PDB file of all heavy atoms in Angstrom:
ATOM      1  N   MET A   1      53.535-156.112 104.698  1.00  0.00           N
ATOM      2  CA  MET A   1      53.451-155.763 106.117  1.00  0.00           C
ATOM      3  C   MET A   1      54.799-155.269 106.570  1.00  0.00           C
ATOM      4  O   MET A   1      55.832-155.937 106.360  1.00  0.00           O
ATOM      5  CB  MET A   1      53.019-156.962 106.977  1.00  0.00           C
ATOM      6  CG  MET A   1      52.836-156.577 108.438  1.00  0.00           C
ATOM      7  SD  MET A   1      52.192-157.919 109.479  1.00  0.00           S
ATOM      8  CE  MET A   1      51.868-157.014 110.985  1.00  0.00           C
ATOM      9  N   ASN A   2      54.813-154.097 107.198  1.00  0.00           N
ATOM     10  CA  ASN A   2      56.027-153.563 107.807  1.00  0.00           C
ATOM     11  C   ASN A   2      56.028-153.977 109.273  1.00  0.00           C
ATOM     12  O   ASN A   2      55.171-153.558 110.058  1.00  0.00           O
ATOM     13  CB  ASN A   2      56.077-152.045 107.687  1.00  0.00           C
ATOM     14  CG  ASN A   2      56.241-151.603 106.238  1.00  0.00           C
ATOM     15  OD1 ASN A   2      55.488-150.794 105.747  1.00  0.00           O
ATOM     16  ND2 ASN A   2      57.233-152.105 105.554  1.00  0.00           N
ATOM     17  N   THR A   3      57.011-154.788 109.639  1.00  0.00           N
ATOM     18  CA  THR A   3      57.057-155.354 110.981  1.00  0.00           C
ATOM     19  C   THR A   3      57.857-154.479 111.935  1.00  0.00           C
ATOM     20  O   THR A   3      58.834-154.912 112.562  1.00  0.00           O
ATOM     21  CB  THR A   3      57.651-156.775 110.920  1.00  0.00           C
ATOM     22  OG1 THR A   3      58.923-156.727 110.253  1.00  0.00           O
ATOM     23  CG2 THR A   3      56.741-157.717 110.168  1.00  0.00           C
ATOM     24  N   ARG A   4      57.435-153.226 112.050  1.00  0.00           N
ATOM     25  CA  ARG A   4      58.131-152.243 112.861  1.00  0.00           C
ATOM     26  C   ARG A   4      57.236-151.037 113.078  1.00  0.00           C
ATOM     27  O   ARG A   4      56.161-150.956 112.483  1.00  0.00           O
ATOM     28  CB  ARG A   4      59.417-151.789 112.162  1.00  0.00           C
ATOM     29  CG  ARG A   4      59.162-151.284 110.731  1.00  0.00           C
ATOM     30  CD  ARG A   4      60.394-150.745 110.065  1.00  0.00           C
ATOM     31  NE  ARG A   4      60.268-150.538 108.645  1.00  0.00           N
ATOM     32  CZ  ARG A   4      59.661-149.500 108.070  1.00  0.00           C
ATOM     33  NH1 ARG A   4      59.116-148.549 108.823  1.00  0.00           N
ATOM     34  NH2 ARG A   4      59.583-149.396 106.759  1.00  0.00           N
ATOM     35  N   ILE A   5      57.683-150.120 113.900  1.00  0.00           N
ATOM     36  CA  ILE A   5      57.015-148.834 114.007  1.00  0.00           C
ATOM     37  C   ILE A   5      57.272-148.089 112.702  1.00  0.00           C
ATOM     38  O   ILE A   5      58.349-148.207 112.103  1.00  0.00           O
ATOM     39  CB  ILE A   5      57.534-148.017 115.210  1.00  0.00           C
ATOM     40  CG1 ILE A   5      56.582-146.875 115.594  1.00  0.00           C
ATOM     41  CG2 ILE A   5      58.944-147.495 114.990  1.00  0.00           C
ATOM     42  CD1 ILE A   5      55.400-147.296 116.382  1.00  0.00           C
ATOM     43  N   GLN A   6      56.304-147.330 112.229  1.00  0.00           N
ATOM     44  CA  GLN A   6      56.450-146.616 110.962  1.00  0.00           C
ATOM     45  C   GLN A   6      56.876-145.157 111.178  1.00  0.00           C
ATOM     46  O   GLN A   6      56.597-144.570 112.233  1.00  0.00           O
ATOM     47  CB  GLN A   6      55.132-146.611 110.193  1.00  0.00           C
ATOM     48  CG  GLN A   6      54.715-147.991 109.636  1.00  0.00           C
ATOM     49  CD  GLN A   6      55.403-148.290 108.332  1.00  0.00           C
ATOM     50  OE1 GLN A   6      56.555-148.686 108.327  1.00  0.00           O
ATOM     51  NE2 GLN A   6      54.698-148.113 107.253  1.00  0.00           N
ATOM     52  N   VAL A   7      57.494-144.572 110.175  1.00  0.00           N
ATOM     53  CA  VAL A   7      57.827-143.155 110.221  1.00  0.00           C
ATOM     54  C   VAL A   7      56.565-142.347 110.552  1.00  0.00           C
ATOM     55  O   VAL A   7      56.611-141.404 111.345  1.00  0.00           O
ATOM     56  CB  VAL A   7      58.407-142.677 108.883  1.00  0.00           C
ATOM     57  CG1 VAL A   7      58.698-141.179 108.891  1.00  0.00           C
ATOM     58  CG2 VAL A   7      59.693-143.446 108.546  1.00  0.00           C
ATOM     59  N   GLU A   8      55.436-142.714 109.962  1.00  0.00           N
ATOM     60  CA  GLU A   8      54.217-141.924 110.082  1.00  0.00           C
ATOM     61  C   GLU A   8      53.344-142.284 111.279  1.00  0.00           C
ATOM     62  O   GLU A   8      52.173-141.887 111.373  1.00  0.00           O
ATOM     63  CB  GLU A   8      53.400-142.045 108.792  1.00  0.00           C
ATOM     64  CG  GLU A   8      52.972-143.458 108.417  1.00  0.00           C
ATOM     65  CD  GLU A   8      54.001-144.206 107.568  1.00  0.00           C
ATOM     66  OE1 GLU A   8      55.198-143.823 107.569  1.00  0.00           O
ATOM     67  OE2 GLU A   8      53.607-145.176 106.900  1.00  0.00           O
ATOM     68  N   HIS A   9      53.918-143.019 112.252  1.00  0.00           N
ATOM     69  CA  HIS A   9      53.091-143.434 113.413  1.00  0.00           C
ATOM     70  C   HIS A   9      52.480-142.264 114.179  1.00  0.00           C
ATOM     71  O   HIS A   9      51.391-142.433 114.765  1.00  0.00           O
ATOM     72  CB  HIS A   9      53.905-144.312 114.366  1.00  0.00           C
ATOM     73  CG  HIS A   9      54.886-143.586 115.208  1.00  0.00           C
ATOM     74  ND1 HIS A   9      56.175-143.310 114.800  1.00  0.00           N
ATOM     75  CD2 HIS A   9      54.774-143.048 116.456  1.00  0.00           C
ATOM     76  CE1 HIS A   9      56.801-142.644 115.751  1.00  0.00           C
ATOM     77  NE2 HIS A   9      55.983-142.476 116.770  1.00  0.00           N
ATOM     78  N   PRO A  10      53.099-141.043 114.219  1.00  0.00           N
ATOM     79  CA  PRO A  10      52.438-139.960 114.972  1.00  0.00           C
ATOM     80  C   PRO A  10      51.061-139.573 114.442  1.00  0.00           C
ATOM     81  O   PRO A  10      50.249-139.007 115.193  1.00  0.00           O
ATOM     82  CB  PRO A  10      53.422-138.794 114.832  1.00  0.00           C
ATOM     83  CG  PRO A  10      54.750-139.454 114.584  1.00  0.00           C
ATOM     84  CD  PRO A  10      54.415-140.630 113.750  1.00  0.00           C
ATOM     85  N   VAL A  11      50.797-139.833 113.168  1.00  0.00           N
ATOM     86  CA  VAL A  11      49.470-139.537 112.614  1.00  0.00           C
ATOM     87  C   VAL A  11      48.402-140.298 113.401  1.00  0.00           C
ATOM     88  O   VAL A  11      47.373-139.733 113.822  1.00  0.00           O
ATOM     89  CB  VAL A  11      49.395-139.891 111.104  1.00  0.00           C
ATOM     90  CG1 VAL A  11      47.998-139.691 110.566  1.00  0.00           C
ATOM     91  CG2 VAL A  11      50.383-139.076 110.314  1.00  0.00           C
ATOM     92  N   THR A  12      48.656-141.582 113.618  1.00  0.00           N
ATOM     93  CA  THR A  12      47.726-142.405 114.379  1.00  0.00           C
ATOM     94  C   THR A  12      47.667-141.975 115.831  1.00  0.00           C
ATOM     95  O   THR A  12      46.603-141.965 116.451  1.00  0.00           O
ATOM     96  CB  THR A  12      48.120-143.891 114.255  1.00  0.00           C
ATOM     97  OG1 THR A  12      48.024-144.279 112.882  1.00  0.00           O
ATOM     98  CG2 THR A  12      47.232-144.778 115.118  1.00  0.00           C
ATOM     99  N   GLU A  13      48.828-141.611 116.414  1.00  0.00           N
ATOM    100  CA  GLU A  13      48.830-141.144 117.775  1.00  0.00           C
ATOM    101  C   GLU A  13      47.940-139.915 117.975  1.00  0.00           C
ATOM    102  O   GLU A  13      47.257-139.781 118.994  1.00  0.00           O
ATOM    103  CB  GLU A  13      50.255-140.837 118.219  1.00  0.00           C
ATOM    104  CG  GLU A  13      51.146-142.096 118.325  1.00  0.00           C
ATOM    105  CD  GLU A  13      52.527-141.810 118.833  1.00  0.00           C
ATOM    106  OE1 GLU A  13      53.064-140.707 118.568  1.00  0.00           O
ATOM    107  OE2 GLU A  13      53.133-142.667 119.493  1.00  0.00           O
ATOM    108  N   MET A  14      47.949-139.022 117.004  1.00  0.00           N
ATOM    109  CA  MET A  14      47.186-137.776 117.147  1.00  0.00           C
ATOM    110  C   MET A  14      45.684-138.011 117.092  1.00  0.00           C
ATOM    111  O   MET A  14      44.934-137.327 117.781  1.00  0.00           O
ATOM    112  CB  MET A  14      47.639-136.768 116.087  1.00  0.00           C
ATOM    113  CG  MET A  14      49.053-136.283 116.283  1.00  0.00           C
ATOM    114  SD  MET A  14      49.481-134.851 115.279  1.00  0.00           S
ATOM    115  CE  MET A  14      48.860-133.509 116.293  1.00  0.00           C
ATOM    116  N   VAL A  15      45.234-138.959 116.269  1.00  0.00           N
ATOM    117  CA  VAL A  15      43.794-139.161 116.165  1.00  0.00           C
ATOM    118  C   VAL A  15      43.255-140.150 117.191  1.00  0.00           C
ATOM    119  O   VAL A  15      42.046-140.167 117.483  1.00  0.00           O
ATOM    120  CB  VAL A  15      43.358-139.597 114.735  1.00  0.00           C
ATOM    121  CG1 VAL A  15      43.661-138.507 113.726  1.00  0.00           C
ATOM    122  CG2 VAL A  15      44.015-140.909 114.321  1.00  0.00           C
ATOM    123  N   THR A  16      44.135-141.008 117.757  1.00  0.00           N
ATOM    124  CA  THR A  16      43.660-141.969 118.769  1.00  0.00           C
ATOM    125  C   THR A  16      44.009-141.578 120.191  1.00  0.00           C
ATOM    126  O   THR A  16      43.406-142.086 121.122  1.00  0.00           O
ATOM    127  CB  THR A  16      44.256-143.381 118.497  1.00  0.00           C
ATOM    128  OG1 THR A  16      45.683-143.293 118.626  1.00  0.00           O
ATOM    129  CG2 THR A  16      43.877-143.868 117.119  1.00  0.00           C
ATOM    130  N   GLY A  17      45.058-140.728 120.379  1.00  0.00           N
ATOM    131  CA  GLY A  17      45.519-140.417 121.703  1.00  0.00           C
ATOM    132  C   GLY A  17      46.337-141.530 122.353  1.00  0.00           C
ATOM    133  O   GLY A  17      46.607-141.486 123.530  1.00  0.00           O
ATOM    134  N   ILE A  18      46.723-142.551 121.564  1.00  0.00           N
ATOM    135  CA  ILE A  18      47.483-143.678 122.059  1.00  0.00           C
ATOM    136  C   ILE A  18      48.958-143.516 121.720  1.00  0.00           C
ATOM    137  O   ILE A  18      49.314-143.264 120.565  1.00  0.00           O
ATOM    138  CB  ILE A  18      46.947-145.000 121.469  1.00  0.00           C
ATOM    139  CG1 ILE A  18      45.514-145.270 121.969  1.00  0.00           C
ATOM    140  CG2 ILE A  18      47.860-146.178 121.825  1.00  0.00           C
ATOM    141  CD1 ILE A  18      44.836-146.417 121.269  1.00  0.00           C
ATOM    142  N   ASP A  19      49.833-143.640 122.705  1.00  0.00           N
ATOM    143  CA  ASP A  19      51.276-143.558 122.504  1.00  0.00           C
ATOM    144  C   ASP A  19      51.772-144.926 122.022  1.00  0.00           C
ATOM    145  O   ASP A  19      51.841-145.893 122.790  1.00  0.00           O
ATOM    146  CB  ASP A  19      51.988-143.157 123.796  1.00  0.00           C
ATOM    147  CG  ASP A  19      53.459-142.837 123.611  1.00  0.00           C
ATOM    148  OD1 ASP A  19      54.148-143.628 122.945  1.00  0.00           O
ATOM    149  OD2 ASP A  19      53.904-141.790 124.120  1.00  0.00           O
ATOM    150  N   LEU A  20      52.065-145.028 120.737  1.00  0.00           N
ATOM    151  CA  LEU A  20      52.438-146.315 120.169  1.00  0.00           C
ATOM    152  C   LEU A  20      53.796-146.810 120.646  1.00  0.00           C
ATOM    153  O   LEU A  20      54.009-148.020 120.820  1.00  0.00           O
ATOM    154  CB  LEU A  20      52.437-146.227 118.628  1.00  0.00           C
ATOM    155  CG  LEU A  20      51.084-145.906 117.981  1.00  0.00           C
ATOM    156  CD1 LEU A  20      51.204-145.917 116.465  1.00  0.00           C
ATOM    157  CD2 LEU A  20      50.010-146.896 118.418  1.00  0.00           C
ATOM    158  N   VAL A  21      54.734-145.906 120.879  1.00  0.00           N
ATOM    159  CA  VAL A  21      56.074-146.320 121.325  1.00  0.00           C
ATOM    160  C   VAL A  21      56.021-146.845 122.746  1.00  0.00           C
ATOM    161  O   VAL A  21      56.601-147.888 123.051  1.00  0.00           O
ATOM    162  CB  VAL A  21      57.065-145.179 121.162  1.00  0.00           C
ATOM    163  CG1 VAL A  21      58.437-145.598 121.704  1.00  0.00           C
ATOM    164  CG2 VAL A  21      57.186-144.762 119.699  1.00  0.00           C
ATOM    165  N   LYS A  22      55.302-146.166 123.618  1.00  0.00           N
ATOM    166  CA  LYS A  22      55.167-146.668 124.984  1.00  0.00           C
ATOM    167  C   LYS A  22      54.452-148.021 124.987  1.00  0.00           C
ATOM    168  O   LYS A  22      54.811-148.920 125.757  1.00  0.00           O
ATOM    169  CB  LYS A  22      54.379-145.679 125.830  1.00  0.00           C
ATOM    170  CG  LYS A  22      55.136-144.430 126.230  1.00  0.00           C
ATOM    171  CD  LYS A  22      54.259-143.583 127.154  1.00  0.00           C
ATOM    172  CE  LYS A  22      54.956-142.322 127.579  1.00  0.00           C
ATOM    173  NZ  LYS A  22      54.112-141.476 128.452  1.00  0.00           N
ATOM    174  N   THR A  23      53.438-148.162 124.128  1.00  0.00           N
ATOM    175  CA  THR A  23      52.721-149.434 124.065  1.00  0.00           C
ATOM    176  C   THR A  23      53.652-150.537 123.570  1.00  0.00           C
ATOM    177  O   THR A  23      53.631-151.666 124.097  1.00  0.00           O
ATOM    178  CB  THR A  23      51.485-149.316 123.144  1.00  0.00           C
ATOM    179  OG1 THR A  23      50.687-148.220 123.566  1.00  0.00           O
ATOM    180  CG2 THR A  23      50.682-150.593 123.162  1.00  0.00           C
ATOM    181  N   GLN A  24      54.469-150.251 122.557  1.00  0.00           N
ATOM    182  CA  GLN A  24      55.478-151.201 122.087  1.00  0.00           C
ATOM    183  C   GLN A  24      56.338-151.695 123.220  1.00  0.00           C
ATOM    184  O   GLN A  24      56.596-152.919 123.365  1.00  0.00           O
ATOM    185  CB  GLN A  24      56.391-150.476 121.093  1.00  0.00           C
ATOM    186  CG  GLN A  24      56.188-150.661 119.638  1.00  0.00           C
ATOM    187  CD  GLN A  24      57.377-150.122 118.876  1.00  0.00           C
ATOM    188  OE1 GLN A  24      57.840-149.001 119.088  1.00  0.00           O
ATOM    189  NE2 GLN A  24      57.908-150.935 117.980  1.00  0.00           N
ATOM    190  N   ILE A  25      56.858-150.771 124.010  1.00  0.00           N
ATOM    191  CA  ILE A  25      57.772-151.130 125.085  1.00  0.00           C
ATOM    192  C   ILE A  25      57.050-151.985 126.137  1.00  0.00           C
ATOM    193  O   ILE A  25      57.590-152.982 126.632  1.00  0.00           O
ATOM    194  CB  ILE A  25      58.349-149.842 125.725  1.00  0.00           C
ATOM    195  CG1 ILE A  25      59.245-149.136 124.701  1.00  0.00           C
ATOM    196  CG2 ILE A  25      59.140-150.171 126.999  1.00  0.00           C
ATOM    197  CD1 ILE A  25      59.676-147.712 125.123  1.00  0.00           C
ATOM    198  N   GLY A  26      55.809-151.619 126.448  1.00  0.00           N
ATOM    199  CA  GLY A  26      55.048-152.415 127.419  1.00  0.00           C
ATOM    200  C   GLY A  26      54.815-153.820 126.945  1.00  0.00           C
ATOM    201  O   GLY A  26      54.968-154.782 127.690  1.00  0.00           O
ATOM    202  N   VAL A  27      54.442-153.968 125.683  1.00  0.00           N
ATOM    203  CA  VAL A  27      54.210-155.305 125.114  1.00  0.00           C
ATOM    204  C   VAL A  27      55.488-156.143 125.159  1.00  0.00           C
ATOM    205  O   VAL A  27      55.463-157.323 125.488  1.00  0.00           O
ATOM    206  CB  VAL A  27      53.674-155.172 123.659  1.00  0.00           C
ATOM    207  CG1 VAL A  27      53.778-156.511 122.918  1.00  0.00           C
ATOM    208  CG2 VAL A  27      52.225-154.675 123.676  1.00  0.00           C
ATOM    209  N   ALA A  28      56.633-155.534 124.806  1.00  0.00           N
ATOM    210  CA  ALA A  28      57.900-156.247 124.826  1.00  0.00           C
ATOM    211  C   ALA A  28      58.258-156.731 126.225  1.00  0.00           C
ATOM    212  O   ALA A  28      58.963-157.737 126.386  1.00  0.00           O
ATOM    213  CB  ALA A  28      58.994-155.365 124.263  1.00  0.00           C
ATOM    214  N   ALA A  29      57.773-156.004 127.245  1.00  0.00           N
ATOM    215  CA  ALA A  29      58.035-156.379 128.636  1.00  0.00           C
ATOM    216  C   ALA A  29      57.019-157.392 129.151  1.00  0.00           C
ATOM    217  O   ALA A  29      57.077-157.780 130.312  1.00  0.00           O
ATOM    218  CB  ALA A  29      58.014-155.155 129.527  1.00  0.00           C
ATOM    219  N   GLY A  30      56.113-157.843 128.281  1.00  0.00           N
ATOM    220  CA  GLY A  30      55.151-158.857 128.658  1.00  0.00           C
ATOM    221  C   GLY A  30      53.825-158.335 129.150  1.00  0.00           C
ATOM    222  O   GLY A  30      52.981-159.098 129.609  1.00  0.00           O
ATOM    223  N   LYS A  31      53.618-157.035 129.083  1.00  0.00           N
ATOM    224  CA  LYS A  31      52.344-156.445 129.524  1.00  0.00           C
ATOM    225  C   LYS A  31      51.252-156.665 128.489  1.00  0.00           C
ATOM    226  O   LYS A  31      51.538-156.657 127.283  1.00  0.00           O
ATOM    227  CB  LYS A  31      52.522-154.954 129.787  1.00  0.00           C
ATOM    228  CG  LYS A  31      53.565-154.597 130.830  1.00  0.00           C
ATOM    229  CD  LYS A  31      53.130-155.030 132.204  1.00  0.00           C
ATOM    230  CE  LYS A  31      54.141-154.568 133.270  1.00  0.00           C
ATOM    231  NZ  LYS A  31      53.765-155.022 134.633  1.00  0.00           N
ATOM    232  N   PRO A  32      50.012-156.825 128.905  1.00  0.00           N
ATOM    233  CA  PRO A  32      48.922-156.918 127.927  1.00  0.00           C
ATOM    234  C   PRO A  32      48.635-155.565 127.319  1.00  0.00           C
ATOM    235  O   PRO A  32      48.975-154.505 127.908  1.00  0.00           O
ATOM    236  CB  PRO A  32      47.739-157.413 128.788  1.00  0.00           C
ATOM    237  CG  PRO A  32      48.031-156.911 130.167  1.00  0.00           C
ATOM    238  CD  PRO A  32      49.539-156.965 130.302  1.00  0.00           C
ATOM    239  N   LEU A  33      48.001-155.553 126.176  1.00  0.00           N
ATOM    240  CA  LEU A  33      47.571-154.290 125.588  1.00  0.00           C
ATOM    241  C   LEU A  33      46.690-153.540 126.581  1.00  0.00           C
ATOM    242  O   LEU A  33      45.759-154.136 127.135  1.00  0.00           O
ATOM    243  CB  LEU A  33      46.791-154.521 124.289  1.00  0.00           C
ATOM    244  CG  LEU A  33      47.615-154.942 123.058  1.00  0.00           C
ATOM    245  CD1 LEU A  33      46.662-155.197 121.892  1.00  0.00           C
ATOM    246  CD2 LEU A  33      48.642-153.894 122.704  1.00  0.00           C
ATOM    247  N   PRO A  34      46.915-152.246 126.792  1.00  0.00           N
ATOM    248  CA  PRO A  34      46.093-151.503 127.747  1.00  0.00           C
ATOM    249  C   PRO A  34      44.754-151.037 127.155  1.00  0.00           C
ATOM    250  O   PRO A  34      44.054-150.263 127.768  1.00  0.00           O
ATOM    251  CB  PRO A  34      46.988-150.292 128.088  1.00  0.00           C
ATOM    252  CG  PRO A  34      47.804-150.077 126.855  1.00  0.00           C
ATOM    253  CD  PRO A  34      48.035-151.444 126.266  1.00  0.00           C
ATOM    254  N   PHE A  35      44.416-151.518 125.986  1.00  0.00           N
ATOM    255  CA  PHE A  35      43.168-151.149 125.327  1.00  0.00           C
ATOM    256  C   PHE A  35      42.703-152.306 124.463  1.00  0.00           C
ATOM    257  O   PHE A  35      43.511-153.162 124.027  1.00  0.00           O
ATOM    258  CB  PHE A  35      43.343-149.886 124.478  1.00  0.00           C
ATOM    259  CG  PHE A  35      44.511-149.930 123.531  1.00  0.00           C
ATOM    260  CD1 PHE A  35      44.437-150.581 122.311  1.00  0.00           C
ATOM    261  CD2 PHE A  35      45.726-149.338 123.875  1.00  0.00           C
ATOM    262  CE1 PHE A  35      45.519-150.668 121.461  1.00  0.00           C
ATOM    263  CE2 PHE A  35      46.818-149.408 123.020  1.00  0.00           C
ATOM    264  CZ  PHE A  35      46.722-150.074 121.811  1.00  0.00           C
ATOM    265  N   GLY A  36      41.407-152.366 124.218  1.00  0.00           N
ATOM    266  CA  GLY A  36      40.833-153.322 123.301  1.00  0.00           C
ATOM    267  C   GLY A  36      40.306-152.620 122.055  1.00  0.00           C
ATOM    268  O   GLY A  36      40.347-151.390 121.968  1.00  0.00           O
ATOM    269  N   GLN A  37      39.751-153.392 121.116  1.00  0.00           N
ATOM    270  CA  GLN A  37      39.278-152.780 119.878  1.00  0.00           C
ATOM    271  C   GLN A  37      38.202-151.738 120.149  1.00  0.00           C
ATOM    272  O   GLN A  37      38.153-150.685 119.521  1.00  0.00           O
ATOM    273  CB  GLN A  37      38.738-153.860 118.929  1.00  0.00           C
ATOM    274  CG  GLN A  37      38.513-153.373 117.507  1.00  0.00           C
ATOM    275  CD  GLN A  37      39.805-152.907 116.859  1.00  0.00           C
ATOM    276  OE1 GLN A  37      40.709-153.671 116.621  1.00  0.00           O
ATOM    277  NE2 GLN A  37      39.883-151.614 116.559  1.00  0.00           N
ATOM    278  N   ALA A  38      37.328-152.014 121.102  1.00  0.00           N
ATOM    279  CA  ALA A  38      36.217-151.081 121.388  1.00  0.00           C
ATOM    280  C   ALA A  38      36.715-149.767 122.001  1.00  0.00           C
ATOM    281  O   ALA A  38      35.999-148.755 121.959  1.00  0.00           O
ATOM    282  CB  ALA A  38      35.212-151.744 122.327  1.00  0.00           C
ATOM    283  N   ASP A  39      37.962-149.790 122.546  1.00  0.00           N
ATOM    284  CA  ASP A  39      38.500-148.588 123.168  1.00  0.00           C
ATOM    285  C   ASP A  39      39.131-147.640 122.159  1.00  0.00           C
ATOM    286  O   ASP A  39      39.444-146.495 122.495  1.00  0.00           O
ATOM    287  CB  ASP A  39      39.540-148.967 124.216  1.00  0.00           C
ATOM    288  CG  ASP A  39      38.997-149.856 125.311  1.00  0.00           C
ATOM    289  OD1 ASP A  39      37.912-149.527 125.815  1.00  0.00           O
ATOM    290  OD2 ASP A  39      39.629-150.886 125.631  1.00  0.00           O
ATOM    291  N   VAL A  40      39.362-148.125 120.953  1.00  0.00           N
ATOM    292  CA  VAL A  40      40.018-147.325 119.916  1.00  0.00           C
ATOM    293  C   VAL A  40      38.962-146.498 119.167  1.00  0.00           C
ATOM    294  O   VAL A  40      38.176-147.045 118.397  1.00  0.00           O
ATOM    295  CB  VAL A  40      40.804-148.190 118.929  1.00  0.00           C
ATOM    296  CG1 VAL A  40      41.487-147.332 117.859  1.00  0.00           C
ATOM    297  CG2 VAL A  40      41.829-149.044 119.653  1.00  0.00           C
TER     298      VAL A  40
END
């Protein structure tokens, strides 16, 4: 398990439309995930 953002994270961003870096920052600030499994 790589416990970080990956070099290849944009691949997932392109097919899901989810900004992983912004989500990372929100989670670190204590925000809940803005999506659930059914939303992906």
